[in-house]
Amino acid sequence: MAAELEKTMTFDEAEKLRADEGEVDDELEEGEIVEESDETVPYLGKEITAKHPLEHSWTFWFDNPMGKSRQTAWGVSLRNIYTFSTVEDFWGAYNNIHHPSKLIMGADFHCFKHKIEPKWEDPICANGGTWKMSFVKGKSDTSWLYTLLAMIGHQFDHGEEICGAVVSVRSKGDKIALWTKNAANEAAQISIGKQWKQFLDYSDSVGFIFHDDAQRLERNAKNRYTV
């Protein structure tokens, strides 16, 4: 099912733009510059200005482990990195940031809908929960990309329920969590969990934990839903 993501608007249009931009005359000598013509200028102007808007704007956040300590309140080291609202701006950012396998130990990298902070206390997230997948350390890059494409490409049937996603790099392995806003909506959460597994070709079971349970019970919180 991961291959199906290549049919999304986000992936298709971005790849088409890349292909268009990469077209060159095979007969040009190395270092030769294409002469501008009346046809070239409008073409270039069109390609440069044409952008493909996403359903929502999204923001990348980075939680630097170097700024964390047991005495510091959670979220103090969380930093807003970049907000994008088009296919082109997403790829421009994604191609210039570290992927999970290159992040330092203890780092958390988030992608959330614009104006939603990746915190349990955020009003949109407060009544929600998370689906979570585990990966061998350094092996979550592709799954993280496919998660991002599914989210920003509006591929989930209940996409309005999704707040964002976070990839966490830990010594025992990587984890990707998908945050949703209404944990009590069981039908929507089950649908999201099943589709996420299909998009990533993920065969293991995944569980959903309510934020409220995680806050009260911490590591003792149990899955409310499993797919």
Protein backbone atom coordinates (compact mmCIF):
# COMPACT_ATOMS: atom_id res chain seq x y z
CA MET A 1 0.00 0.00 0.00
CA ALA A 2 2.93 2.35 0.46
CA ALA A 3 3.22 2.49 -3.31
CA GLU A 4 -0.29 3.93 -3.49
CA LEU A 5 1.01 7.11 -1.91
CA GLU A 6 2.80 7.78 -5.17
CA LYS A 7 -0.65 8.49 -6.60
CA THR A 8 -1.34 11.36 -4.19
CA MET A 9 -1.55 14.91 -5.38
CA THR A 10 1.42 15.85 -3.24
CA PHE A 11 3.76 13.21 -4.60
CA ASP A 12 2.62 13.36 -8.22
CA GLU A 13 2.75 17.10 -8.63
CA ALA A 14 6.03 17.47 -6.83
CA GLU A 15 7.65 14.77 -8.96
CA LYS A 16 6.23 16.32 -12.13
CA LEU A 17 7.70 19.67 -11.20
CA ARG A 18 11.05 18.02 -10.51
CA ALA A 19 10.98 16.28 -13.87
CA ASP A 20 9.99 19.46 -15.70
CA GLU A 21 12.74 21.44 -14.04
CA GLY A 22 15.28 18.74 -14.90
CA GLU A 23 14.62 18.67 -18.64
CA VAL A 24 17.69 19.82 -20.62
CA ASP A 25 18.84 19.67 -24.21
CA ASP A 26 20.94 16.52 -24.66
CA GLU A 27 23.01 18.27 -27.35
CA LEU A 28 24.27 21.06 -25.09
CA GLU A 29 27.97 21.05 -24.35
CA GLU A 30 29.07 21.03 -20.72
CA GLY A 31 28.87 24.57 -19.35
CA GLU A 32 26.83 25.87 -22.30
CA ILE A 33 24.04 28.28 -21.38
CA VAL A 34 20.65 28.06 -23.08
CA GLU A 35 19.91 31.25 -24.98
CA GLU A 36 16.69 32.95 -23.93
CA SER A 37 13.99 33.18 -26.57
CA ASP A 38 10.50 34.63 -26.59
CA GLU A 39 9.21 31.17 -25.70
CA THR A 40 11.72 30.47 -22.94
CA VAL A 41 11.02 33.48 -20.73
CA PRO A 42 7.25 32.95 -20.32
CA TYR A 43 7.86 29.23 -19.71
CA LEU A 44 10.39 29.90 -16.97
CA GLY A 45 8.19 32.54 -15.39
CA LYS A 46 5.24 30.17 -15.32
CA GLU A 47 7.23 27.35 -13.72
CA ILE A 48 8.71 29.60 -11.07
CA THR A 49 5.44 31.25 -10.03
CA ALA A 50 3.12 28.21 -10.25
CA LYS A 51 2.55 26.65 -6.83
CA HIS A 52 0.18 23.95 -5.68
CA PRO A 53 -1.64 24.77 -2.42
CA LEU A 54 -2.24 22.14 0.25
CA GLU A 55 -5.55 21.65 2.07
CA HIS A 56 -3.95 23.07 5.25
CA SER A 57 -0.80 24.92 6.24
CA TRP A 58 1.63 22.86 8.34
CA THR A 59 4.48 23.69 10.70
CA PHE A 60 7.68 21.76 11.45
CA TRP A 61 8.78 21.80 15.10
CA PHE A 62 12.01 20.55 16.66
CA ASP A 63 12.48 19.54 20.29
CA ASN A 64 16.21 19.73 20.98
CA PRO A 65 17.35 17.11 23.52
CA MET A 66 20.31 19.34 24.46
CA GLY A 67 17.84 21.79 25.95
CA LYS A 68 16.01 19.21 28.06
CA SER A 69 16.56 18.45 31.71
CA ARG A 70 14.59 16.81 34.47
CA GLN A 71 14.11 20.20 36.12
CA THR A 72 12.86 21.94 32.97
CA ALA A 73 9.17 22.02 32.11
CA TRP A 74 8.26 19.94 29.07
CA GLY A 75 8.06 21.99 25.90
CA VAL A 76 10.60 24.65 26.89
CA SER A 77 13.08 23.35 24.28
CA LEU A 78 10.40 23.07 21.55
CA ARG A 79 11.09 25.35 18.59
CA ASN A 80 8.96 26.40 15.61
CA ILE A 81 11.12 25.71 12.52
CA TYR A 82 9.14 26.41 9.35
CA THR A 83 5.55 26.75 8.10
CA PHE A 84 4.55 25.66 4.59
CA SER A 85 1.29 25.69 2.65
CA THR A 86 2.24 24.43 -0.84
CA VAL A 87 3.67 21.26 -2.35
CA GLU A 88 6.79 23.11 -3.48
CA ASP A 89 7.44 24.67 -0.08
CA PHE A 90 7.09 21.27 1.59
CA TRP A 91 9.73 19.68 -0.65
CA GLY A 92 11.96 22.71 -0.31
CA ALA A 93 11.92 22.30 3.46
CA TYR A 94 12.00 18.50 3.54
CA ASN A 95 15.03 18.30 1.26
CA ASN A 96 16.97 20.68 3.49
CA ILE A 97 16.31 19.25 6.95
CA HIS A 98 17.74 16.20 8.71
CA HIS A 99 15.75 13.01 8.29
CA PRO A 100 15.18 10.80 11.37
CA SER A 101 18.29 8.67 10.79
CA LYS A 102 20.42 11.83 10.98
CA LEU A 103 18.83 13.33 14.10
CA ILE A 104 20.69 13.21 17.41
CA MET A 105 19.63 10.84 20.16
CA GLY A 106 16.64 12.07 22.13
CA ALA A 107 15.40 14.41 19.41
CA ASP A 108 11.73 14.83 18.52
CA PHE A 109 10.76 16.25 15.12
CA HIS A 110 7.13 17.27 14.62
CA CYS A 111 4.87 18.28 11.76
CA PHE A 112 1.54 19.75 12.91
CA LYS A 113 -1.26 21.72 11.34
CA HIS A 114 -0.47 25.42 11.53
CA LYS A 115 -1.47 27.04 14.84
CA ILE A 116 -1.66 23.68 16.64
CA GLU A 117 1.24 23.19 19.04
CA PRO A 118 2.53 19.63 19.60
CA LYS A 119 1.55 19.66 23.26
CA TRP A 120 -1.10 17.81 25.24
CA GLU A 121 -2.18 21.17 26.64
CA ASP A 122 -3.00 22.64 23.24
CA PRO A 123 -6.81 23.16 23.11
CA ILE A 124 -7.09 21.20 19.85
CA CYS A 125 -5.03 18.26 21.17
CA ALA A 126 -6.32 18.19 24.76
CA ASN A 127 -9.10 15.66 24.17
CA GLY A 128 -7.18 13.60 21.67
CA GLY A 129 -4.71 10.75 21.63
CA THR A 130 -1.97 9.07 19.61
CA TRP A 131 -1.39 6.08 17.38
CA LYS A 132 2.22 4.93 17.65
CA MET A 133 4.55 2.75 15.55
CA SER A 134 8.00 1.45 16.47
CA PHE A 135 11.00 0.98 14.18
CA VAL A 136 14.55 -0.30 14.33
CA LYS A 137 16.87 2.59 15.13
CA GLY A 138 17.71 4.57 12.00
CA LYS A 139 15.10 2.78 9.86
CA SER A 140 12.15 5.17 10.04
CA ASP A 141 13.05 7.63 7.26
CA THR A 142 10.74 6.22 4.58
CA SER A 143 7.84 5.67 6.98
CA TRP A 144 8.22 9.23 8.27
CA LEU A 145 8.09 10.61 4.72
CA TYR A 146 5.03 8.51 3.82
CA THR A 147 3.31 9.64 7.02
CA LEU A 148 3.94 13.27 6.08
CA LEU A 149 2.69 12.76 2.52
CA ALA A 150 -0.48 11.03 3.73
CA MET A 151 -1.17 13.84 6.22
CA ILE A 152 -0.50 16.90 4.08
CA GLY A 153 -1.94 15.22 0.98
CA HIS A 154 -5.25 14.75 2.85
CA GLN A 155 -5.27 10.99 2.21
CA PHE A 156 -7.06 10.00 5.41
CA ASP A 157 -10.85 9.66 5.29
CA HIS A 158 -10.97 11.45 8.65
CA GLY A 159 -8.20 13.92 7.94
CA GLU A 160 -10.01 16.62 9.92
CA GLU A 161 -9.29 14.55 13.05
CA ILE A 162 -5.52 14.66 12.58
CA CYS A 163 -3.44 17.24 14.47
CA GLY A 164 0.00 16.15 13.30
CA ALA A 165 2.79 13.62 13.71
CA VAL A 166 6.10 13.31 15.52
CA VAL A 167 9.14 11.10 15.00
CA SER A 168 11.17 10.39 18.14
CA VAL A 169 14.75 9.09 18.08
CA ARG A 170 15.66 6.95 21.07
CA SER A 171 18.42 4.50 21.99
CA LYS A 172 16.10 1.49 21.71
CA GLY A 173 14.68 2.56 18.35
CA ASP A 174 12.63 5.17 16.52
CA LYS A 175 8.94 5.87 17.10
CA ILE A 176 6.41 7.70 14.96
CA ALA A 177 3.23 8.94 16.61
CA LEU A 178 0.13 10.26 14.84
CA TRP A 179 -1.83 12.74 16.99
CA THR A 180 -5.60 13.11 16.68
CA LYS A 181 -7.98 15.57 18.33
CA ASN A 182 -11.03 13.57 19.44
CA ALA A 183 -10.02 10.33 21.13
CA ALA A 184 -13.61 9.41 22.01
CA ASN A 185 -14.57 9.19 18.33
CA GLU A 186 -13.73 5.50 18.10
CA ALA A 187 -14.91 4.99 14.51
CA ALA A 188 -12.71 7.83 13.24
CA GLN A 189 -9.67 6.70 15.25
CA ILE A 190 -9.95 3.09 14.08
CA SER A 191 -10.24 4.27 10.48
CA ILE A 192 -7.14 6.45 10.84
CA GLY A 193 -5.14 3.66 12.46
CA LYS A 194 -6.04 1.15 9.75
CA GLN A 195 -5.31 3.54 6.90
CA TRP A 196 -2.00 4.59 8.42
CA LYS A 197 -0.88 0.94 8.59
CA GLN A 198 -1.92 0.43 4.98
CA PHE A 199 -0.10 3.53 3.74
CA LEU A 200 3.12 2.37 5.41
CA ASP A 201 2.76 -1.40 4.77
CA TYR A 202 3.17 -1.82 8.52
CA SER A 203 2.39 -5.37 9.64
CA ASP A 204 2.64 -5.16 13.44
CA SER A 205 -0.26 -4.15 15.67
CA VAL A 206 -0.48 -0.50 16.63
CA GLY A 207 -2.22 0.94 19.66
CA PHE A 208 -4.02 4.17 20.46
CA ILE A 209 -3.56 5.90 23.83
CA PHE A 210 -5.69 8.76 25.11
CA HIS A 211 -3.67 11.85 26.10
CA ASP A 212 -5.65 11.96 29.34
CA ASP A 213 -4.52 8.43 30.24
CA ALA A 214 -0.92 9.24 29.31
CA GLN A 215 -0.92 12.30 31.57
CA ARG A 216 -2.46 10.49 34.55
CA LEU A 217 -0.84 7.08 34.24
CA GLU A 218 2.34 7.93 32.31
CA ARG A 219 4.08 4.67 31.33
CA ASN A 220 1.22 2.61 32.78
CA ALA A 221 -1.28 3.98 30.26
CA LYS A 222 -2.92 1.21 28.20
CA ASN A 223 -4.10 1.16 24.61
CA ARG A 224 -7.77 1.97 24.23
CA TYR A 225 -7.86 0.86 20.60
CA THR A 226 -5.69 -1.57 18.64
CA VAL A 227 -5.54 -2.35 14.92
